[in-house]
Amino acid sequence: MTRAILLHAFAADRLTWAGTVPALSGVTAETLDLPGHGSALGALGDGSLDDLSAPVARRFMAGDP
């Protein structure tokens, strides 16, 4: 099965994909709140690219859910 990590745009959160994920037949779709959004409001760190991209990298490196 194909795995996809769906990222939301600025001023949005993981719920952006709530209507899309069920329609992705044959895809294991994962969503997450980027730092400063949704449930990750307090997770901005210092705002560096490393701090902002770390959750995506961790999810990607985690492999199959």
PDB file of N, CA and C in Angstrom:
ATOM      1  N   MET A   1       0.845  -1.180   0.000  1.00  0.00           N
ATOM      2  CA  MET A   1       0.000   0.000   0.000  1.00  0.00           C
ATOM      3  C   MET A   1       0.892   1.246   0.000  1.00  0.00           C
ATOM      4  N   THR A   2       0.470   2.235  -0.718  1.00  0.00           N
ATOM      5  CA  THR A   2       1.191   3.499  -0.801  1.00  0.00           C
ATOM      6  C   THR A   2       0.960   4.309   0.453  1.00  0.00           C
ATOM      7  N   ARG A   3       1.997   4.963   0.917  1.00  0.00           N
ATOM      8  CA  ARG A   3       1.925   5.806   2.114  1.00  0.00           C
ATOM      9  C   ARG A   3       2.115   7.255   1.700  1.00  0.00           C
ATOM     10  N   ALA A   4       1.277   8.137   2.250  1.00  0.00           N
ATOM     11  CA  ALA A   4       1.392   9.566   1.957  1.00  0.00           C
ATOM     12  C   ALA A   4       1.259  10.357   3.242  1.00  0.00           C
ATOM     13  N   ILE A   5       2.063  11.395   3.371  1.00  0.00           N
ATOM     14  CA  ILE A   5       1.949  12.334   4.484  1.00  0.00           C
ATOM     15  C   ILE A   5       1.407  13.624   3.892  1.00  0.00           C
ATOM     16  N   LEU A   6       0.216  14.011   4.327  1.00  0.00           N
ATOM     17  CA  LEU A   6      -0.445  15.189   3.788  1.00  0.00           C
ATOM     18  C   LEU A   6      -0.167  16.382   4.685  1.00  0.00           C
ATOM     19  N   LEU A   7       0.341  17.454   4.096  1.00  0.00           N
ATOM     20  CA  LEU A   7       0.688  18.659   4.846  1.00  0.00           C
ATOM     21  C   LEU A   7      -0.299  19.772   4.529  1.00  0.00           C
ATOM     22  N   HIS A   8      -0.724  20.457   5.555  1.00  0.00           N
ATOM     23  CA  HIS A   8      -1.661  21.564   5.379  1.00  0.00           C
ATOM     24  C   HIS A   8      -0.929  22.848   5.027  1.00  0.00           C
ATOM     25  N   ALA A   9      -1.685  23.835   4.593  1.00  0.00           N
ATOM     26  CA  ALA A   9      -1.127  25.138   4.242  1.00  0.00           C
ATOM     27  C   ALA A   9      -1.083  26.046   5.470  1.00  0.00           C
ATOM     28  N   PHE A  10      -0.542  27.233   5.292  1.00  0.00           N
ATOM     29  CA  PHE A  10      -0.464  28.228   6.354  1.00  0.00           C
ATOM     30  C   PHE A  10      -1.872  28.547   6.849  1.00  0.00           C
ATOM     31  N   ALA A  11      -1.999  28.771   8.155  1.00  0.00           N
ATOM     32  CA  ALA A  11      -3.270  29.123   8.797  1.00  0.00           C
ATOM     33  C   ALA A  11      -4.302  28.000   8.719  1.00  0.00           C
ATOM     34  N   ALA A  12      -3.858  26.767   8.603  1.00  0.00           N
ATOM     35  CA  ALA A  12      -4.744  25.607   8.586  1.00  0.00           C
ATOM     36  C   ALA A  12      -4.207  24.588   9.593  1.00  0.00           C
ATOM     37  N   ASP A  13      -4.762  23.390   9.595  1.00  0.00           N
ATOM     38  CA  ASP A  13      -4.260  22.308  10.435  1.00  0.00           C
ATOM     39  C   ASP A  13      -4.577  20.975   9.783  1.00  0.00           C
ATOM     40  N   ARG A  14      -4.286  19.885  10.485  1.00  0.00           N
ATOM     41  CA  ARG A  14      -4.457  18.548   9.903  1.00  0.00           C
ATOM     42  C   ARG A  14      -5.893  18.259   9.500  1.00  0.00           C
ATOM     43  N   LEU A  15      -6.850  18.950  10.105  1.00  0.00           N
ATOM     44  CA  LEU A  15      -8.259  18.720   9.783  1.00  0.00           C
ATOM     45  C   LEU A  15      -8.615  19.169   8.368  1.00  0.00           C
ATOM     46  N   THR A  16      -7.723  19.907   7.728  1.00  0.00           N
ATOM     47  CA  THR A  16      -7.902  20.302   6.329  1.00  0.00           C
ATOM     48  C   THR A  16      -8.163  19.076   5.460  1.00  0.00           C
ATOM     49  N   TRP A  17      -7.554  17.968   5.841  1.00  0.00           N
ATOM     50  CA  TRP A  17      -7.614  16.745   5.033  1.00  0.00           C
ATOM     51  C   TRP A  17      -8.727  15.787   5.439  1.00  0.00           C
ATOM     52  N   ALA A  18      -9.573  16.158   6.392  1.00  0.00           N
ATOM     53  CA  ALA A  18     -10.604  15.252   6.916  1.00  0.00           C
ATOM     54  C   ALA A  18     -11.511  14.686   5.825  1.00  0.00           C
ATOM     55  N   GLY A  19     -11.864  15.468   4.839  1.00  0.00           N
ATOM     56  CA  GLY A  19     -12.724  14.980   3.766  1.00  0.00           C
ATOM     57  C   GLY A  19     -11.983  14.270   2.654  1.00  0.00           C
ATOM     58  N   THR A  20     -10.679  14.450   2.593  1.00  0.00           N
ATOM     59  CA  THR A  20      -9.871  13.869   1.522  1.00  0.00           C
ATOM     60  C   THR A  20      -9.381  12.470   1.861  1.00  0.00           C
ATOM     61  N   VAL A  21      -8.933  12.285   3.080  1.00  0.00           N
ATOM     62  CA  VAL A  21      -8.323  11.005   3.478  1.00  0.00           C
ATOM     63  C   VAL A  21      -9.224   9.807   3.171  1.00  0.00           C
ATOM     64  N   PRO A  22     -10.524   9.840   3.500  1.00  0.00           N
ATOM     65  CA  PRO A  22     -11.357   8.664   3.191  1.00  0.00           C
ATOM     66  C   PRO A  22     -11.473   8.363   1.697  1.00  0.00           C
ATOM     67  N   ALA A  23     -11.243   9.351   0.853  1.00  0.00           N
ATOM     68  CA  ALA A  23     -11.373   9.164  -0.591  1.00  0.00           C
ATOM     69  C   ALA A  23     -10.103   8.623  -1.243  1.00  0.00           C
ATOM     70  N   LEU A  24      -9.041   8.492  -0.496  1.00  0.00           N
ATOM     71  CA  LEU A  24      -7.761   8.041  -1.059  1.00  0.00           C
ATOM     72  C   LEU A  24      -7.659   6.524  -0.987  1.00  0.00           C
ATOM     73  N   SER A  25      -8.322   5.870  -1.884  1.00  0.00           N
ATOM     74  CA  SER A  25      -8.338   4.408  -1.930  1.00  0.00           C
ATOM     75  C   SER A  25      -6.943   3.872  -2.218  1.00  0.00           C
ATOM     76  N   GLY A  26      -6.515   2.899  -1.446  1.00  0.00           N
ATOM     77  CA  GLY A  26      -5.215   2.276  -1.659  1.00  0.00           C
ATOM     78  C   GLY A  26      -4.048   3.069  -1.131  1.00  0.00           C
ATOM     79  N   VAL A  27      -4.327   4.110  -0.357  1.00  0.00           N
ATOM     80  CA  VAL A  27      -3.278   4.968   0.195  1.00  0.00           C
ATOM     81  C   VAL A  27      -3.434   5.036   1.706  1.00  0.00           C
ATOM     82  N   THR A  28      -2.345   4.808   2.412  1.00  0.00           N
ATOM     83  CA  THR A  28      -2.336   5.050   3.848  1.00  0.00           C
ATOM     84  C   THR A  28      -1.940   6.505   4.019  1.00  0.00           C
ATOM     85  N   ALA A  29      -2.934   7.352   4.266  1.00  0.00           N
ATOM     86  CA  ALA A  29      -2.701   8.791   4.356  1.00  0.00           C
ATOM     87  C   ALA A  29      -2.555   9.196   5.816  1.00  0.00           C
ATOM     88  N   GLU A  30      -1.485   9.917   6.095  1.00  0.00           N
ATOM     89  CA  GLU A  30      -1.226  10.422   7.442  1.00  0.00           C
ATOM     90  C   GLU A  30      -1.278  11.941   7.405  1.00  0.00           C
ATOM     91  N   THR A  31      -1.809  12.513   8.457  1.00  0.00           N
ATOM     92  CA  THR A  31      -1.852  13.969   8.582  1.00  0.00           C
ATOM     93  C   THR A  31      -1.213  14.354   9.907  1.00  0.00           C
ATOM     94  N   LEU A  32      -0.710  15.558   9.986  1.00  0.00           N
ATOM     95  CA  LEU A  32      -0.152  16.050  11.237  1.00  0.00           C
ATOM     96  C   LEU A  32      -0.295  17.555  11.271  1.00  0.00           C
ATOM     97  N   ASP A  33      -0.293  18.103  12.464  1.00  0.00           N
ATOM     98  CA  ASP A  33      -0.299  19.550  12.637  1.00  0.00           C
ATOM     99  C   ASP A  33       1.140  20.034  12.611  1.00  0.00           C
ATOM    100  N   LEU A  34       1.437  20.936  11.702  1.00  0.00           N
ATOM    101  CA  LEU A  34       2.767  21.527  11.668  1.00  0.00           C
ATOM    102  C   LEU A  34       2.940  22.433  12.885  1.00  0.00           C
ATOM    103  N   PRO A  35       4.159  22.670  13.329  1.00  0.00           N
ATOM    104  CA  PRO A  35       4.390  23.514  14.497  1.00  0.00           C
ATOM    105  C   PRO A  35       3.683  24.872  14.361  1.00  0.00           C
ATOM    106  N   GLY A  36       2.994  25.260  15.429  1.00  0.00           N
ATOM    107  CA  GLY A  36       2.274  26.530  15.437  1.00  0.00           C
ATOM    108  C   GLY A  36       0.857  26.434  14.913  1.00  0.00           C
ATOM    109  N   HIS A  37       0.385  25.221  14.624  1.00  0.00           N
ATOM    110  CA  HIS A  37      -0.945  25.017  14.061  1.00  0.00           C
ATOM    111  C   HIS A  37      -1.680  23.924  14.831  1.00  0.00           C
ATOM    112  N   GLY A  38      -2.995  24.039  14.906  1.00  0.00           N
ATOM    113  CA  GLY A  38      -3.821  23.001  15.516  1.00  0.00           C
ATOM    114  C   GLY A  38      -3.342  22.604  16.898  1.00  0.00           C
ATOM    115  N   SER A  39      -3.164  21.306  17.106  1.00  0.00           N
ATOM    116  CA  SER A  39      -2.743  20.803  18.413  1.00  0.00           C
ATOM    117  C   SER A  39      -1.267  21.059  18.703  1.00  0.00           C
ATOM    118  N   ALA A  40      -0.534  21.605  17.748  1.00  0.00           N
ATOM    119  CA  ALA A  40       0.894  21.877  17.929  1.00  0.00           C
ATOM    120  C   ALA A  40       1.171  23.378  18.074  1.00  0.00           C
ATOM    121  N   LEU A  41       0.206  24.106  18.622  1.00  0.00           N
ATOM    122  CA  LEU A  41       0.360  25.564  18.749  1.00  0.00           C
ATOM    123  C   LEU A  41       1.612  25.972  19.501  1.00  0.00           C
ATOM    124  N   GLY A  42       1.978  25.252  20.548  1.00  0.00           N
ATOM    125  CA  GLY A  42       3.130  25.630  21.357  1.00  0.00           C
ATOM    126  C   GLY A  42       4.432  25.000  20.923  1.00  0.00           C
ATOM    127  N   ALA A  43       4.474  24.398  19.749  1.00  0.00           N
ATOM    128  CA  ALA A  43       5.645  23.619  19.334  1.00  0.00           C
ATOM    129  C   ALA A  43       6.525  24.335  18.321  1.00  0.00           C
ATOM    130  N   LEU A  44       6.540  25.642  18.304  1.00  0.00           N
ATOM    131  CA  LEU A  44       7.317  26.369  17.302  1.00  0.00           C
ATOM    132  C   LEU A  44       8.818  26.313  17.522  1.00  0.00           C
ATOM    133  N   GLY A  45       9.248  26.057  18.737  1.00  0.00           N
ATOM    134  CA  GLY A  45      10.678  26.099  19.013  1.00  0.00           C
ATOM    135  C   GLY A  45      11.187  27.493  18.744  1.00  0.00           C
ATOM    136  N   ASP A  46      12.317  27.597  18.058  1.00  0.00           N
ATOM    137  CA  ASP A  46      12.851  28.928  17.754  1.00  0.00           C
ATOM    138  C   ASP A  46      12.417  29.419  16.375  1.00  0.00           C
ATOM    139  N   GLY A  47      11.567  28.659  15.700  1.00  0.00           N
ATOM    140  CA  GLY A  47      11.069  29.059  14.388  1.00  0.00           C
ATOM    141  C   GLY A  47      12.018  28.749  13.246  1.00  0.00           C
ATOM    142  N   SER A  48      13.116  28.062  13.552  1.00  0.00           N
ATOM    143  CA  SER A  48      14.082  27.718  12.503  1.00  0.00           C
ATOM    144  C   SER A  48      13.498  26.634  11.591  1.00  0.00           C
ATOM    145  N   LEU A  49      14.070  26.500  10.426  1.00  0.00           N
ATOM    146  CA  LEU A  49      13.637  25.459   9.500  1.00  0.00           C
ATOM    147  C   LEU A  49      13.760  24.081  10.143  1.00  0.00           C
ATOM    148  N   ASP A  50      14.828  23.856  10.912  1.00  0.00           N
ATOM    149  CA  ASP A  50      15.003  22.569  11.586  1.00  0.00           C
ATOM    150  C   ASP A  50      13.854  22.293  12.545  1.00  0.00           C
ATOM    151  N   ASP A  51      13.474  23.275  13.357  1.00  0.00           N
ATOM    152  CA  ASP A  51      12.380  23.073  14.307  1.00  0.00           C
ATOM    153  C   ASP A  51      11.043  22.886  13.594  1.00  0.00           C
ATOM    154  N   LEU A  52      10.833  23.608  12.511  1.00  0.00           N
ATOM    155  CA  LEU A  52       9.561  23.513  11.798  1.00  0.00           C
ATOM    156  C   LEU A  52       9.435  22.222  10.997  1.00  0.00           C
ATOM    157  N   SER A  53      10.540  21.695  10.511  1.00  0.00           N
ATOM    158  CA  SER A  53      10.482  20.484   9.688  1.00  0.00           C
ATOM    159  C   SER A  53      10.661  19.197  10.483  1.00  0.00           C
ATOM    160  N   ALA A  54      11.101  19.279  11.721  1.00  0.00           N
ATOM    161  CA  ALA A  54      11.380  18.082  12.523  1.00  0.00           C
ATOM    162  C   ALA A  54      10.183  17.135  12.644  1.00  0.00           C
ATOM    163  N   PRO A  55       8.960  17.612  12.912  1.00  0.00           N
ATOM    164  CA  PRO A  55       7.834  16.676  13.015  1.00  0.00           C
ATOM    165  C   PRO A  55       7.567  15.923  11.711  1.00  0.00           C
ATOM    166  N   VAL A  56       7.749  16.588  10.593  1.00  0.00           N
ATOM    167  CA  VAL A  56       7.551  15.919   9.298  1.00  0.00           C
ATOM    168  C   VAL A  56       8.617  14.862   9.100  1.00  0.00           C
ATOM    169  N   ALA A  57       9.856  15.197   9.398  1.00  0.00           N
ATOM    170  CA  ALA A  57      10.958  14.228   9.260  1.00  0.00           C
ATOM    171  C   ALA A  57      10.747  13.019  10.170  1.00  0.00           C
ATOM    172  N   ARG A  58      10.337  13.274  11.411  1.00  0.00           N
ATOM    173  CA  ARG A  58      10.091  12.157  12.339  1.00  0.00           C
ATOM    174  C   ARG A  58       8.991  11.241  11.817  1.00  0.00           C
ATOM    175  N   ARG A  59       7.914  11.819  11.317  1.00  0.00           N
ATOM    176  CA  ARG A  59       6.803  11.016  10.792  1.00  0.00           C
ATOM    177  C   ARG A  59       7.258  10.237   9.573  1.00  0.00           C
ATOM    178  N   PHE A  60       8.011  10.863   8.694  1.00  0.00           N
ATOM    179  CA  PHE A  60       8.506  10.207   7.493  1.00  0.00           C
ATOM    180  C   PHE A  60       9.416   9.038   7.851  1.00  0.00           C
ATOM    181  N   MET A  61      10.317   9.265   8.793  1.00  0.00           N
ATOM    182  CA  MET A  61      11.286   8.242   9.176  1.00  0.00           C
ATOM    183  C   MET A  61      10.654   7.112   9.981  1.00  0.00           C
ATOM    184  N   ALA A  62       9.460   7.328  10.520  1.00  0.00           N
ATOM    185  CA  ALA A  62       8.793   6.306  11.333  1.00  0.00           C
ATOM    186  C   ALA A  62       8.383   5.103  10.499  1.00  0.00           C
ATOM    187  N   GLY A  63       8.325   5.242   9.191  1.00  0.00           N
ATOM    188  CA  GLY A  63       7.941   4.120   8.335  1.00  0.00           C
ATOM    189  C   GLY A  63       6.462   3.897   8.370  1.00  0.00           C
ATOM    190  N   ASP A  64       6.049   2.683   8.106  1.00  0.00           N
ATOM    191  CA  ASP A  64       4.627   2.359   8.058  1.00  0.00           C
ATOM    192  C   ASP A  64       3.983   2.575   9.417  1.00  0.00           C
ATOM    193  N   PRO A  65       2.778   3.150   9.398  1.00  0.00           N
ATOM    194  CA  PRO A  65       2.076   3.390  10.670  1.00  0.00           C
ATOM    195  C   PRO A  65       1.658   2.100  11.337  1.00  0.00           C
TER     196      PRO A  65
END
